[in-house]
N, C-alpha and C. Protein backbone atom coordinates (compact mmCIF):
# COMPACT_ATOMS: atom_id res chain seq x y z
N UNK A 1 -1.75 17.96 -7.98
CA UNK A 1 -2.44 16.66 -7.99
C UNK A 1 -2.29 16.00 -6.63
N UNK A 2 -3.42 15.65 -6.02
CA UNK A 2 -3.42 14.96 -4.73
C UNK A 2 -3.55 13.46 -4.97
N UNK A 3 -2.42 12.79 -5.15
CA UNK A 3 -2.46 11.39 -5.54
C UNK A 3 -2.79 10.51 -4.34
N UNK A 4 -3.69 9.54 -4.57
CA UNK A 4 -4.17 8.59 -3.56
C UNK A 4 -3.62 7.21 -3.93
N UNK A 5 -2.68 6.68 -3.12
CA UNK A 5 -2.00 5.45 -3.54
C UNK A 5 -2.74 4.17 -3.16
N UNK A 6 -3.87 4.30 -2.42
CA UNK A 6 -4.58 3.07 -2.03
C UNK A 6 -6.01 3.42 -1.65
N UNK A 7 -6.94 3.03 -2.50
CA UNK A 7 -8.34 3.29 -2.21
C UNK A 7 -9.21 2.12 -2.64
N UNK A 8 -10.27 1.88 -1.87
CA UNK A 8 -11.24 0.84 -2.20
C UNK A 8 -12.47 1.44 -2.90
N UNK A 9 -12.43 2.75 -3.13
CA UNK A 9 -13.54 3.43 -3.80
C UNK A 9 -13.04 4.01 -5.12
N UNK A 10 -13.88 3.97 -6.13
CA UNK A 10 -13.51 4.57 -7.40
C UNK A 10 -13.39 6.08 -7.23
N UNK A 11 -12.24 6.62 -7.54
CA UNK A 11 -11.98 8.04 -7.33
C UNK A 11 -12.72 8.90 -8.34
N UNK A 12 -13.05 10.12 -7.90
CA UNK A 12 -13.65 11.08 -8.83
C UNK A 12 -12.65 11.46 -9.92
N UNK A 13 -11.35 11.32 -9.60
CA UNK A 13 -10.28 11.55 -10.58
C UNK A 13 -9.46 10.27 -10.69
N UNK A 14 -9.91 9.31 -11.50
CA UNK A 14 -9.24 8.00 -11.55
C UNK A 14 -7.76 8.06 -11.90
N UNK A 15 -7.33 9.10 -12.59
CA UNK A 15 -5.92 9.21 -12.95
C UNK A 15 -5.06 9.64 -11.78
N UNK A 16 -5.69 9.91 -10.63
CA UNK A 16 -4.96 10.36 -9.45
C UNK A 16 -5.10 9.38 -8.29
N UNK A 17 -5.35 8.11 -8.60
CA UNK A 17 -5.55 7.13 -7.53
C UNK A 17 -5.22 5.73 -8.02
N UNK A 18 -4.80 4.89 -7.08
CA UNK A 18 -4.61 3.46 -7.35
C UNK A 18 -5.76 2.72 -6.69
N UNK A 19 -6.60 2.15 -7.52
CA UNK A 19 -7.77 1.43 -7.04
C UNK A 19 -7.36 0.01 -6.62
N UNK A 20 -7.71 -0.37 -5.39
CA UNK A 20 -7.35 -1.70 -4.90
C UNK A 20 -8.43 -2.70 -5.31
N UNK A 21 -8.13 -3.49 -6.33
CA UNK A 21 -9.07 -4.51 -6.79
C UNK A 21 -9.00 -5.71 -5.84
N UNK A 22 -10.14 -6.36 -5.66
CA UNK A 22 -10.23 -7.49 -4.73
C UNK A 22 -11.01 -8.61 -5.39
N UNK A 23 -10.53 -9.83 -5.19
CA UNK A 23 -11.20 -10.98 -5.81
C UNK A 23 -12.63 -11.16 -5.31
N UNK A 24 -12.94 -10.55 -4.15
CA UNK A 24 -14.31 -10.65 -3.63
C UNK A 24 -15.26 -9.68 -4.32
N UNK A 25 -14.71 -8.70 -5.04
CA UNK A 25 -15.56 -7.65 -5.60
C UNK A 25 -15.35 -7.49 -7.10
N UNK A 26 -15.30 -8.57 -7.80
CA UNK A 26 -15.17 -8.50 -9.25
C UNK A 26 -16.51 -8.12 -9.87
N UNK A 27 -16.55 -7.52 -11.03
CA UNK A 27 -15.38 -7.13 -11.82
C UNK A 27 -14.81 -5.78 -11.38
N UNK A 28 -13.57 -5.53 -11.72
CA UNK A 28 -12.95 -4.25 -11.44
C UNK A 28 -13.56 -3.18 -12.34
N UNK A 29 -13.88 -2.01 -11.79
CA UNK A 29 -14.52 -0.97 -12.61
C UNK A 29 -13.69 -0.60 -13.84
N UNK A 30 -14.35 -0.46 -14.96
CA UNK A 30 -13.66 -0.07 -16.18
C UNK A 30 -13.04 1.32 -16.06
N UNK A 31 -13.65 2.16 -15.20
CA UNK A 31 -13.19 3.53 -15.08
C UNK A 31 -11.85 3.65 -14.35
N UNK A 32 -11.48 2.62 -13.58
CA UNK A 32 -10.21 2.65 -12.85
C UNK A 32 -9.05 2.67 -13.84
N UNK A 33 -8.11 3.57 -13.66
CA UNK A 33 -6.98 3.70 -14.58
C UNK A 33 -5.76 2.97 -14.04
N UNK A 34 -5.54 3.08 -12.73
CA UNK A 34 -4.42 2.40 -12.08
C UNK A 34 -4.96 1.45 -11.02
N UNK A 35 -4.38 0.25 -10.95
CA UNK A 35 -4.92 -0.81 -10.10
C UNK A 35 -3.80 -1.50 -9.32
N UNK A 36 -4.15 -1.95 -8.12
CA UNK A 36 -3.29 -2.88 -7.38
C UNK A 36 -4.11 -4.14 -7.09
N UNK A 37 -3.42 -5.28 -7.06
CA UNK A 37 -4.09 -6.56 -6.75
C UNK A 37 -3.22 -7.33 -5.75
N UNK A 38 -3.88 -8.04 -4.85
CA UNK A 38 -3.13 -8.81 -3.86
C UNK A 38 -4.01 -9.84 -3.17
N UNK A 39 -3.46 -10.45 -2.13
CA UNK A 39 -4.19 -11.43 -1.32
C UNK A 39 -4.20 -10.91 0.11
N UNK A 40 -5.31 -10.37 0.53
CA UNK A 40 -5.45 -9.81 1.86
C UNK A 40 -5.50 -10.94 2.89
N UNK A 41 -4.83 -10.78 4.03
CA UNK A 41 -4.83 -11.87 5.02
C UNK A 41 -6.19 -12.12 5.68
N UNK A 42 -7.08 -11.17 5.68
CA UNK A 42 -8.39 -11.39 6.28
C UNK A 42 -9.18 -12.41 5.46
N UNK A 43 -9.89 -13.26 6.15
CA UNK A 43 -10.83 -14.21 5.54
C UNK A 43 -10.16 -15.23 4.63
N UNK A 44 -8.83 -15.28 4.63
CA UNK A 44 -8.12 -16.24 3.80
C UNK A 44 -8.21 -17.63 4.43
N UNK A 45 -8.50 -18.63 3.61
CA UNK A 45 -8.58 -20.01 4.09
C UNK A 45 -7.76 -20.91 3.18
N UNK A 46 -7.45 -22.11 3.66
CA UNK A 46 -6.72 -23.08 2.84
C UNK A 46 -7.49 -23.40 1.57
N UNK A 47 -8.83 -23.40 1.67
CA UNK A 47 -9.66 -23.77 0.53
C UNK A 47 -9.66 -22.69 -0.55
N UNK A 48 -9.74 -21.42 -0.14
CA UNK A 48 -9.87 -20.37 -1.16
C UNK A 48 -8.53 -19.75 -1.57
N UNK A 49 -7.46 -20.08 -0.88
CA UNK A 49 -6.16 -19.51 -1.23
C UNK A 49 -5.78 -19.79 -2.69
N UNK A 50 -5.90 -21.02 -3.19
CA UNK A 50 -5.54 -21.26 -4.60
C UNK A 50 -6.37 -20.42 -5.58
N UNK A 51 -7.64 -20.22 -5.24
CA UNK A 51 -8.51 -19.43 -6.12
C UNK A 51 -8.06 -17.97 -6.13
N UNK A 52 -7.75 -17.43 -4.95
CA UNK A 52 -7.30 -16.04 -4.86
C UNK A 52 -5.96 -15.86 -5.59
N UNK A 53 -5.08 -16.81 -5.41
CA UNK A 53 -3.78 -16.72 -6.08
C UNK A 53 -3.95 -16.78 -7.59
N UNK A 54 -4.78 -17.67 -8.07
CA UNK A 54 -5.03 -17.77 -9.51
C UNK A 54 -5.59 -16.47 -10.05
N UNK A 55 -6.47 -15.84 -9.28
CA UNK A 55 -7.07 -14.57 -9.71
C UNK A 55 -5.99 -13.49 -9.85
N UNK A 56 -5.11 -13.40 -8.85
CA UNK A 56 -4.04 -12.39 -8.90
C UNK A 56 -3.14 -12.64 -10.11
N UNK A 57 -2.75 -13.87 -10.32
CA UNK A 57 -1.86 -14.19 -11.43
C UNK A 57 -2.51 -13.90 -12.77
N UNK A 58 -3.79 -14.21 -12.90
CA UNK A 58 -4.48 -13.94 -14.16
C UNK A 58 -4.65 -12.44 -14.39
N UNK A 59 -4.91 -11.69 -13.32
CA UNK A 59 -5.01 -10.23 -13.46
C UNK A 59 -3.68 -9.63 -13.91
N UNK A 60 -2.59 -10.11 -13.34
CA UNK A 60 -1.28 -9.60 -13.72
C UNK A 60 -0.96 -9.87 -15.19
N UNK A 61 -1.43 -10.98 -15.69
CA UNK A 61 -1.18 -11.34 -17.08
C UNK A 61 -2.09 -10.58 -18.05
N UNK A 62 -3.31 -10.25 -17.59
CA UNK A 62 -4.32 -9.75 -18.52
C UNK A 62 -4.62 -8.26 -18.41
N UNK A 63 -4.34 -7.65 -17.25
CA UNK A 63 -4.77 -6.27 -17.04
C UNK A 63 -3.55 -5.35 -16.95
N UNK A 64 -3.35 -4.55 -17.97
CA UNK A 64 -2.17 -3.68 -18.05
C UNK A 64 -2.27 -2.47 -17.12
N UNK A 65 -3.39 -2.31 -16.45
CA UNK A 65 -3.55 -1.17 -15.54
C UNK A 65 -2.88 -1.40 -14.20
N UNK A 66 -2.44 -2.61 -13.92
CA UNK A 66 -1.87 -2.94 -12.61
C UNK A 66 -0.47 -2.35 -12.48
N UNK A 67 -0.31 -1.47 -11.48
CA UNK A 67 0.99 -0.83 -11.26
C UNK A 67 1.55 -1.16 -9.88
N UNK A 68 0.82 -1.99 -9.10
CA UNK A 68 1.32 -2.37 -7.77
C UNK A 68 0.71 -3.69 -7.37
N UNK A 69 1.39 -4.40 -6.48
CA UNK A 69 0.86 -5.60 -5.84
C UNK A 69 0.40 -5.22 -4.44
N UNK A 70 -0.70 -5.81 -4.00
CA UNK A 70 -1.22 -5.53 -2.67
C UNK A 70 -2.68 -5.10 -2.71
N UNK A 71 -3.40 -5.00 -1.65
CA UNK A 71 -2.62 -5.10 -0.45
C UNK A 71 -2.46 -6.57 -0.03
N UNK A 72 -1.35 -6.83 0.62
CA UNK A 72 -1.06 -8.17 1.12
C UNK A 72 -0.18 -8.00 2.35
N UNK A 73 -0.15 -9.01 3.22
CA UNK A 73 0.70 -8.85 4.38
C UNK A 73 0.41 -9.79 5.52
N UNK A 74 0.66 -9.28 6.74
CA UNK A 74 0.58 -10.09 7.95
C UNK A 74 -0.24 -9.34 8.99
N UNK A 75 -1.18 -10.06 9.60
CA UNK A 75 -2.09 -9.45 10.57
C UNK A 75 -2.30 -10.42 11.73
N UNK A 76 -1.72 -10.08 12.89
CA UNK A 76 -1.82 -10.96 14.05
C UNK A 76 -3.12 -10.78 14.83
N UNK A 77 -3.98 -9.91 14.34
CA UNK A 77 -5.26 -9.69 15.02
C UNK A 77 -6.44 -10.32 14.28
N UNK A 78 -6.18 -11.02 13.19
CA UNK A 78 -7.27 -11.68 12.48
C UNK A 78 -7.21 -13.18 12.72
N UNK A 79 -8.25 -13.89 12.32
CA UNK A 79 -8.38 -15.31 12.63
C UNK A 79 -7.61 -16.22 11.67
N UNK A 80 -7.14 -15.69 10.57
CA UNK A 80 -6.42 -16.52 9.60
C UNK A 80 -5.13 -17.06 10.22
N UNK A 81 -4.88 -18.37 10.12
CA UNK A 81 -3.63 -18.92 10.66
C UNK A 81 -2.41 -18.18 10.12
N UNK A 82 -1.48 -17.88 11.01
CA UNK A 82 -0.32 -17.09 10.62
C UNK A 82 0.50 -17.78 9.53
N UNK A 83 0.61 -19.09 9.61
CA UNK A 83 1.40 -19.81 8.60
C UNK A 83 0.81 -19.63 7.21
N UNK A 84 -0.52 -19.60 7.12
CA UNK A 84 -1.17 -19.40 5.83
C UNK A 84 -0.97 -17.96 5.35
N UNK A 85 -1.08 -17.01 6.28
CA UNK A 85 -0.82 -15.61 5.92
C UNK A 85 0.59 -15.46 5.34
N UNK A 86 1.55 -16.06 6.01
CA UNK A 86 2.93 -15.92 5.55
C UNK A 86 3.15 -16.58 4.20
N UNK A 87 2.53 -17.74 4.00
CA UNK A 87 2.65 -18.41 2.70
C UNK A 87 2.11 -17.53 1.58
N UNK A 88 0.92 -16.96 1.80
CA UNK A 88 0.31 -16.10 0.78
C UNK A 88 1.15 -14.83 0.56
N UNK A 89 1.64 -14.26 1.66
CA UNK A 89 2.42 -13.04 1.55
C UNK A 89 3.72 -13.29 0.79
N UNK A 90 4.38 -14.38 1.09
CA UNK A 90 5.62 -14.71 0.37
C UNK A 90 5.35 -14.88 -1.12
N UNK A 91 4.20 -15.43 -1.47
CA UNK A 91 3.88 -15.61 -2.88
C UNK A 91 3.67 -14.26 -3.56
N UNK A 92 2.98 -13.36 -2.87
CA UNK A 92 2.77 -12.03 -3.44
C UNK A 92 4.10 -11.28 -3.57
N UNK A 93 4.98 -11.44 -2.59
CA UNK A 93 6.32 -10.86 -2.69
C UNK A 93 7.02 -11.36 -3.95
N UNK A 94 6.92 -12.66 -4.18
CA UNK A 94 7.54 -13.25 -5.37
C UNK A 94 6.97 -12.65 -6.65
N UNK A 95 5.66 -12.46 -6.68
CA UNK A 95 5.02 -11.86 -7.86
C UNK A 95 5.45 -10.41 -8.02
N UNK A 96 5.58 -9.70 -6.91
CA UNK A 96 6.05 -8.31 -6.96
C UNK A 96 7.43 -8.23 -7.60
N UNK A 97 8.30 -9.15 -7.24
CA UNK A 97 9.65 -9.16 -7.80
C UNK A 97 9.62 -9.58 -9.28
N UNK A 98 8.84 -10.61 -9.59
CA UNK A 98 8.80 -11.12 -10.96
C UNK A 98 8.25 -10.09 -11.94
N UNK A 99 7.18 -9.39 -11.53
CA UNK A 99 6.53 -8.44 -12.42
C UNK A 99 7.04 -7.01 -12.23
N UNK A 100 8.01 -6.84 -11.31
CA UNK A 100 8.60 -5.52 -11.06
C UNK A 100 7.54 -4.48 -10.72
N UNK A 101 6.75 -4.82 -9.70
CA UNK A 101 5.72 -3.92 -9.21
C UNK A 101 5.93 -3.66 -7.72
N UNK A 102 5.81 -2.40 -7.29
CA UNK A 102 5.91 -2.09 -5.86
C UNK A 102 4.87 -2.89 -5.05
N UNK A 103 5.17 -3.12 -3.78
CA UNK A 103 4.32 -3.93 -2.91
C UNK A 103 3.67 -3.06 -1.85
N UNK A 104 2.34 -3.06 -1.80
CA UNK A 104 1.57 -2.32 -0.80
C UNK A 104 1.18 -3.30 0.31
N UNK A 105 1.61 -3.00 1.54
CA UNK A 105 1.58 -3.98 2.62
C UNK A 105 0.56 -3.63 3.70
N UNK A 106 -0.19 -4.66 4.09
CA UNK A 106 -1.08 -4.59 5.26
C UNK A 106 -0.32 -5.24 6.42
N UNK A 107 -0.08 -4.47 7.49
CA UNK A 107 0.67 -5.00 8.64
C UNK A 107 0.01 -4.59 9.94
N UNK A 108 -0.32 -5.59 10.76
CA UNK A 108 -0.90 -5.33 12.09
C UNK A 108 -0.16 -6.18 13.11
N UNK A 109 0.54 -5.49 14.02
CA UNK A 109 1.30 -6.13 15.11
C UNK A 109 2.26 -7.20 14.58
N UNK A 110 2.83 -6.93 13.42
CA UNK A 110 3.76 -7.90 12.82
C UNK A 110 4.97 -7.20 12.21
N UNK A 111 5.35 -6.07 12.78
CA UNK A 111 6.44 -5.31 12.19
C UNK A 111 7.79 -6.00 12.33
N UNK A 112 8.03 -6.66 13.45
CA UNK A 112 9.29 -7.39 13.60
C UNK A 112 9.42 -8.48 12.55
N UNK A 113 8.32 -9.20 12.32
CA UNK A 113 8.32 -10.26 11.31
C UNK A 113 8.50 -9.66 9.91
N UNK A 114 7.89 -8.52 9.69
CA UNK A 114 7.98 -7.86 8.38
C UNK A 114 9.42 -7.41 8.10
N UNK A 115 10.06 -6.83 9.11
CA UNK A 115 11.45 -6.40 8.95
C UNK A 115 12.35 -7.60 8.70
N UNK A 116 12.13 -8.68 9.46
CA UNK A 116 12.95 -9.88 9.28
C UNK A 116 12.77 -10.46 7.89
N UNK A 117 11.56 -10.45 7.39
CA UNK A 117 11.27 -10.98 6.06
C UNK A 117 11.94 -10.13 4.98
N UNK A 118 11.92 -8.83 5.16
CA UNK A 118 12.57 -7.94 4.18
C UNK A 118 14.07 -8.19 4.14
N UNK A 119 14.67 -8.39 5.33
CA UNK A 119 16.10 -8.68 5.38
C UNK A 119 16.42 -10.02 4.73
N UNK A 120 15.48 -10.96 4.84
CA UNK A 120 15.69 -12.29 4.27
C UNK A 120 15.64 -12.28 2.75
N UNK A 121 14.62 -11.63 2.18
CA UNK A 121 14.41 -11.73 0.73
C UNK A 121 15.14 -10.65 -0.06
N UNK A 122 15.56 -9.55 0.61
CA UNK A 122 16.26 -8.46 -0.09
C UNK A 122 15.50 -8.03 -1.35
N UNK A 123 14.27 -7.55 -1.21
CA UNK A 123 13.49 -7.22 -2.40
C UNK A 123 14.10 -6.07 -3.20
N UNK A 124 13.95 -6.16 -4.51
CA UNK A 124 14.38 -5.06 -5.37
C UNK A 124 13.27 -4.04 -5.56
N UNK A 125 12.05 -4.43 -5.25
CA UNK A 125 10.89 -3.55 -5.40
C UNK A 125 10.60 -2.80 -4.10
N UNK A 126 10.05 -1.58 -4.20
CA UNK A 126 9.71 -0.82 -2.99
C UNK A 126 8.63 -1.53 -2.17
N UNK A 127 8.77 -1.47 -0.85
CA UNK A 127 7.76 -1.99 0.08
C UNK A 127 7.12 -0.80 0.78
N UNK A 128 5.81 -0.68 0.64
CA UNK A 128 5.04 0.46 1.17
C UNK A 128 4.03 -0.05 2.20
N UNK A 129 4.15 0.39 3.43
CA UNK A 129 3.20 0.00 4.47
C UNK A 129 2.02 0.96 4.42
N UNK A 130 0.85 0.43 4.11
CA UNK A 130 -0.30 1.30 3.95
C UNK A 130 -1.02 1.50 5.28
N UNK A 131 -1.72 2.62 5.39
CA UNK A 131 -2.51 2.92 6.58
C UNK A 131 -1.70 2.93 7.86
N UNK A 132 -0.51 3.50 7.82
CA UNK A 132 0.37 3.45 8.99
C UNK A 132 -0.19 4.29 10.12
N UNK A 133 -0.26 3.69 11.32
CA UNK A 133 -0.78 4.38 12.49
C UNK A 133 0.17 4.32 13.68
N UNK A 134 1.37 3.84 13.45
CA UNK A 134 2.33 3.69 14.54
C UNK A 134 2.90 5.01 15.02
N UNK A 135 3.68 4.93 16.10
CA UNK A 135 4.29 6.11 16.69
C UNK A 135 5.55 6.53 15.92
N UNK A 136 6.04 7.70 16.30
CA UNK A 136 7.18 8.31 15.61
C UNK A 136 8.40 7.38 15.59
N UNK A 137 8.68 6.73 16.71
CA UNK A 137 9.86 5.89 16.81
C UNK A 137 9.78 4.70 15.85
N UNK A 138 8.60 4.10 15.74
CA UNK A 138 8.42 2.98 14.81
C UNK A 138 8.54 3.47 13.37
N UNK A 139 7.95 4.62 13.09
CA UNK A 139 8.03 5.19 11.73
C UNK A 139 9.49 5.41 11.33
N UNK A 140 10.27 5.99 12.23
CA UNK A 140 11.67 6.26 11.93
C UNK A 140 12.45 4.96 11.71
N UNK A 141 12.15 3.95 12.54
CA UNK A 141 12.82 2.66 12.39
C UNK A 141 12.51 2.03 11.05
N UNK A 142 11.25 2.05 10.64
CA UNK A 142 10.85 1.44 9.38
C UNK A 142 11.47 2.17 8.18
N UNK A 143 11.48 3.48 8.23
CA UNK A 143 12.09 4.25 7.14
C UNK A 143 13.58 3.94 7.05
N UNK A 144 14.23 3.81 8.20
CA UNK A 144 15.65 3.46 8.20
C UNK A 144 15.90 2.07 7.62
N UNK A 145 14.86 1.20 7.68
CA UNK A 145 14.97 -0.14 7.11
C UNK A 145 14.61 -0.16 5.62
N UNK A 146 14.27 1.02 5.06
CA UNK A 146 13.99 1.10 3.64
C UNK A 146 12.53 1.01 3.26
N UNK A 147 11.62 1.03 4.24
CA UNK A 147 10.19 1.02 3.95
C UNK A 147 9.72 2.43 3.61
N UNK A 148 8.64 2.49 2.83
CA UNK A 148 7.87 3.72 2.65
C UNK A 148 6.59 3.58 3.48
N UNK A 149 6.06 4.70 3.98
CA UNK A 149 4.85 4.67 4.78
C UNK A 149 3.76 5.50 4.11
N UNK A 150 2.54 4.96 4.12
CA UNK A 150 1.39 5.67 3.57
C UNK A 150 0.42 5.98 4.70
N UNK A 151 0.01 7.24 4.77
CA UNK A 151 -0.85 7.72 5.86
C UNK A 151 -2.27 7.93 5.34
N UNK A 152 -3.25 7.49 6.16
CA UNK A 152 -4.65 7.65 5.81
C UNK A 152 -5.33 8.68 6.67
N UNK A 153 -6.55 8.38 7.10
CA UNK A 153 -7.31 9.35 7.88
C UNK A 153 -6.82 9.43 9.33
N UNK A 154 -6.33 8.31 9.87
CA UNK A 154 -5.94 8.28 11.29
C UNK A 154 -4.46 7.94 11.41
N UNK A 155 -3.74 8.75 12.17
CA UNK A 155 -2.32 8.49 12.40
C UNK A 155 -1.83 9.43 13.50
N UNK A 156 -0.62 9.17 13.98
CA UNK A 156 0.02 10.05 14.96
C UNK A 156 0.67 11.21 14.22
N UNK A 157 0.29 12.41 14.57
CA UNK A 157 0.83 13.58 13.89
C UNK A 157 2.35 13.65 14.01
N UNK A 158 2.90 13.26 15.16
CA UNK A 158 4.35 13.31 15.34
C UNK A 158 5.08 12.39 14.35
N UNK A 159 4.45 11.26 14.03
CA UNK A 159 5.08 10.34 13.08
C UNK A 159 5.19 10.99 11.71
N UNK A 160 4.12 11.62 11.25
CA UNK A 160 4.15 12.27 9.94
C UNK A 160 5.08 13.47 9.95
N UNK A 161 5.06 14.22 11.03
CA UNK A 161 5.87 15.44 11.12
C UNK A 161 7.36 15.15 10.95
N UNK A 162 7.80 13.99 11.43
CA UNK A 162 9.22 13.66 11.42
C UNK A 162 9.65 12.85 10.19
N UNK A 163 8.72 12.56 9.28
CA UNK A 163 9.07 11.76 8.12
C UNK A 163 9.98 12.53 7.17
N UNK A 164 11.06 11.90 6.69
CA UNK A 164 11.92 12.57 5.70
C UNK A 164 11.18 12.73 4.37
N UNK A 165 11.51 13.77 3.65
CA UNK A 165 10.92 13.98 2.33
C UNK A 165 11.24 12.78 1.43
N UNK A 166 10.23 12.33 0.69
CA UNK A 166 10.42 11.22 -0.23
C UNK A 166 10.16 9.85 0.36
N UNK A 167 9.74 9.81 1.63
CA UNK A 167 9.54 8.51 2.30
C UNK A 167 8.09 8.20 2.62
N UNK A 168 7.16 9.10 2.27
CA UNK A 168 5.77 8.90 2.68
C UNK A 168 4.80 9.25 1.56
N UNK A 169 3.60 8.72 1.71
CA UNK A 169 2.52 8.88 0.72
C UNK A 169 1.20 9.03 1.48
N UNK A 170 0.11 9.20 0.70
CA UNK A 170 -1.21 9.34 1.33
C UNK A 170 -2.24 8.46 0.62
N UNK A 171 -3.27 8.11 1.37
CA UNK A 171 -4.31 7.21 0.85
C UNK A 171 -5.63 7.46 1.55
N UNK A 172 -6.72 7.10 0.90
CA UNK A 172 -8.03 7.16 1.55
C UNK A 172 -8.45 5.79 2.07
N UNK A 173 -7.90 4.71 1.50
CA UNK A 173 -8.27 3.35 1.90
C UNK A 173 -9.80 3.21 1.81
N UNK A 174 -10.46 2.88 2.92
CA UNK A 174 -11.92 2.74 2.90
C UNK A 174 -12.64 4.00 3.38
N UNK A 175 -11.88 5.03 3.74
CA UNK A 175 -12.47 6.28 4.24
C UNK A 175 -13.14 7.05 3.10
N UNK A 176 -14.18 7.77 3.46
CA UNK A 176 -14.87 8.61 2.49
C UNK A 176 -14.39 10.06 2.53
N UNK A 177 -13.41 10.34 3.39
CA UNK A 177 -12.82 11.68 3.45
C UNK A 177 -12.06 11.95 2.15
N UNK A 178 -12.28 13.07 1.50
CA UNK A 178 -11.57 13.36 0.24
C UNK A 178 -10.07 13.37 0.45
N UNK A 179 -9.34 12.89 -0.52
CA UNK A 179 -7.88 12.86 -0.42
C UNK A 179 -7.32 14.27 -0.28
N UNK A 180 -7.98 15.26 -0.86
CA UNK A 180 -7.50 16.64 -0.74
C UNK A 180 -7.54 17.11 0.71
N UNK A 181 -8.53 16.63 1.48
CA UNK A 181 -8.61 16.99 2.89
C UNK A 181 -7.46 16.38 3.68
N UNK A 182 -7.07 15.16 3.31
CA UNK A 182 -5.95 14.52 3.99
C UNK A 182 -4.65 15.27 3.72
N UNK A 183 -4.47 15.72 2.49
CA UNK A 183 -3.30 16.52 2.17
C UNK A 183 -3.32 17.86 2.92
N UNK A 184 -4.48 18.46 3.03
CA UNK A 184 -4.59 19.73 3.74
C UNK A 184 -4.20 19.61 5.19
N UNK A 185 -4.69 18.57 5.86
CA UNK A 185 -4.33 18.36 7.26
C UNK A 185 -2.84 18.06 7.40
N UNK A 186 -2.33 17.20 6.51
CA UNK A 186 -0.91 16.82 6.58
C UNK A 186 -0.01 18.02 6.33
N UNK A 187 -0.40 18.89 5.42
CA UNK A 187 0.39 20.08 5.13
C UNK A 187 0.47 20.98 6.35
N UNK A 188 -0.64 21.11 7.05
CA UNK A 188 -0.65 21.92 8.27
C UNK A 188 0.28 21.32 9.32
N UNK A 189 0.25 20.00 9.45
CA UNK A 189 1.12 19.33 10.42
C UNK A 189 2.59 19.56 10.09
N UNK A 190 2.92 19.51 8.79
CA UNK A 190 4.32 19.65 8.37
C UNK A 190 4.73 21.11 8.14
N UNK A 191 3.78 22.04 8.28
CA UNK A 191 4.10 23.45 8.20
C UNK A 191 4.41 23.95 6.81
N UNK A 192 3.76 23.35 5.80
CA UNK A 192 3.94 23.81 4.42
C UNK A 192 2.56 23.93 3.76
N UNK A 193 2.52 24.43 2.55
CA UNK A 193 1.24 24.57 1.85
C UNK A 193 0.81 23.22 1.27
N UNK A 194 -0.50 23.00 1.10
CA UNK A 194 -0.97 21.77 0.46
C UNK A 194 -0.37 21.57 -0.92
N UNK A 195 -0.18 22.66 -1.65
CA UNK A 195 0.38 22.56 -3.00
C UNK A 195 1.83 22.08 -2.96
N UNK A 196 2.59 22.59 -2.01
CA UNK A 196 3.98 22.16 -1.87
C UNK A 196 4.06 20.70 -1.47
N UNK A 197 3.18 20.30 -0.55
CA UNK A 197 3.16 18.90 -0.13
C UNK A 197 2.77 18.01 -1.29
N UNK A 198 1.75 18.39 -2.05
CA UNK A 198 1.31 17.59 -3.19
C UNK A 198 2.43 17.43 -4.21
N UNK A 199 3.16 18.50 -4.46
CA UNK A 199 4.28 18.45 -5.41
C UNK A 199 5.37 17.50 -4.89
N UNK A 200 5.65 17.58 -3.60
CA UNK A 200 6.66 16.73 -2.99
C UNK A 200 6.27 15.26 -3.09
N UNK A 201 5.02 14.95 -2.74
CA UNK A 201 4.56 13.56 -2.77
C UNK A 201 4.45 13.07 -4.21
N UNK A 202 4.09 13.94 -5.12
CA UNK A 202 4.00 13.55 -6.53
C UNK A 202 5.34 13.05 -7.05
N UNK A 203 6.43 13.68 -6.62
CA UNK A 203 7.76 13.21 -7.02
C UNK A 203 8.00 11.79 -6.49
N UNK A 204 7.56 11.54 -5.27
CA UNK A 204 7.72 10.19 -4.69
C UNK A 204 6.88 9.19 -5.45
N UNK A 205 5.64 9.54 -5.75
CA UNK A 205 4.74 8.67 -6.51
C UNK A 205 5.35 8.33 -7.86
N UNK A 206 5.85 9.33 -8.54
CA UNK A 206 6.45 9.10 -9.87
C UNK A 206 7.65 8.17 -9.78
N UNK A 207 8.47 8.36 -8.76
CA UNK A 207 9.67 7.51 -8.64
C UNK A 207 9.32 6.07 -8.29
N UNK A 208 8.22 5.88 -7.54
CA UNK A 208 7.84 4.53 -7.12
C UNK A 208 7.04 3.77 -8.18
N UNK A 209 6.15 4.47 -8.88
CA UNK A 209 5.19 3.78 -9.72
C UNK A 209 5.33 4.04 -11.23
N UNK A 210 5.92 5.14 -11.61
CA UNK A 210 5.87 5.52 -13.02
C UNK A 210 7.24 5.69 -13.69
N UNK A 211 8.14 6.41 -13.07
CA UNK A 211 9.43 6.68 -13.71
C UNK A 211 10.46 5.65 -13.25
N UNK A 212 10.30 4.40 -13.71
CA UNK A 212 11.16 3.33 -13.20
C UNK A 212 11.82 2.61 -14.37
C-alpha cells in the first residue's frame, strides 16, 4: 500500500490517502475515507479567521473521518500578518492536543519559530512537516527535534537518503503525479525496493494515525 498522507485531490484509492479538506472547498467529498482539517496561513484575514475556526471545530465534532489536523502553520512568504498566522496556528495546535490528532504543518522560512514553538508547548501529538524541501542538514536537525517529514514531488535527494527509518512519509499534495511514482523514485534514492519502502512507511503511518 502506497499511503498518501496529504492530498488535495480525491485519491483513486481513498483508503490509502488523507484528503485535506478546506473551508474554501466545501462540501468534503463523501468518497473520502480519511480527512485532515486546518487553517492554512494563506489568504487568512482578521475577518474570516473566526469563520474558518468555527468550520474546523464543527468538522471535528461532526465528522468521524478526521484523523489529523492541518494543514496549518507559518509562512513568511505570504501576505498574511505573521501575528495572525501564529494566533491561528496556536489554536490548531490546541485542537490537535484536545482531540488527540497528529498535526500536519505548512512551514515556509519559519523553521526556527516552529522549533521554538514546539519547545514551548511540548505537544503530545506528532508534528509532521508536509512538503519538505529543505537540505539534509535541516532535515536532520528537525528529526532530532522530534519532527516527522513528509516528502512530495520536489525535494533534495540527499535529505531523503539520510532520513532514519520511521521518521518520514510521502504525499502528493496538489501534484497530479501518482503516489506510487513518488514511492518508486524514493525507493531508488534509498536503494531498496518500492515494496520494502511501502512496508516501512506503512508502519510509520499506522503508528502515527491508526495504532494509537
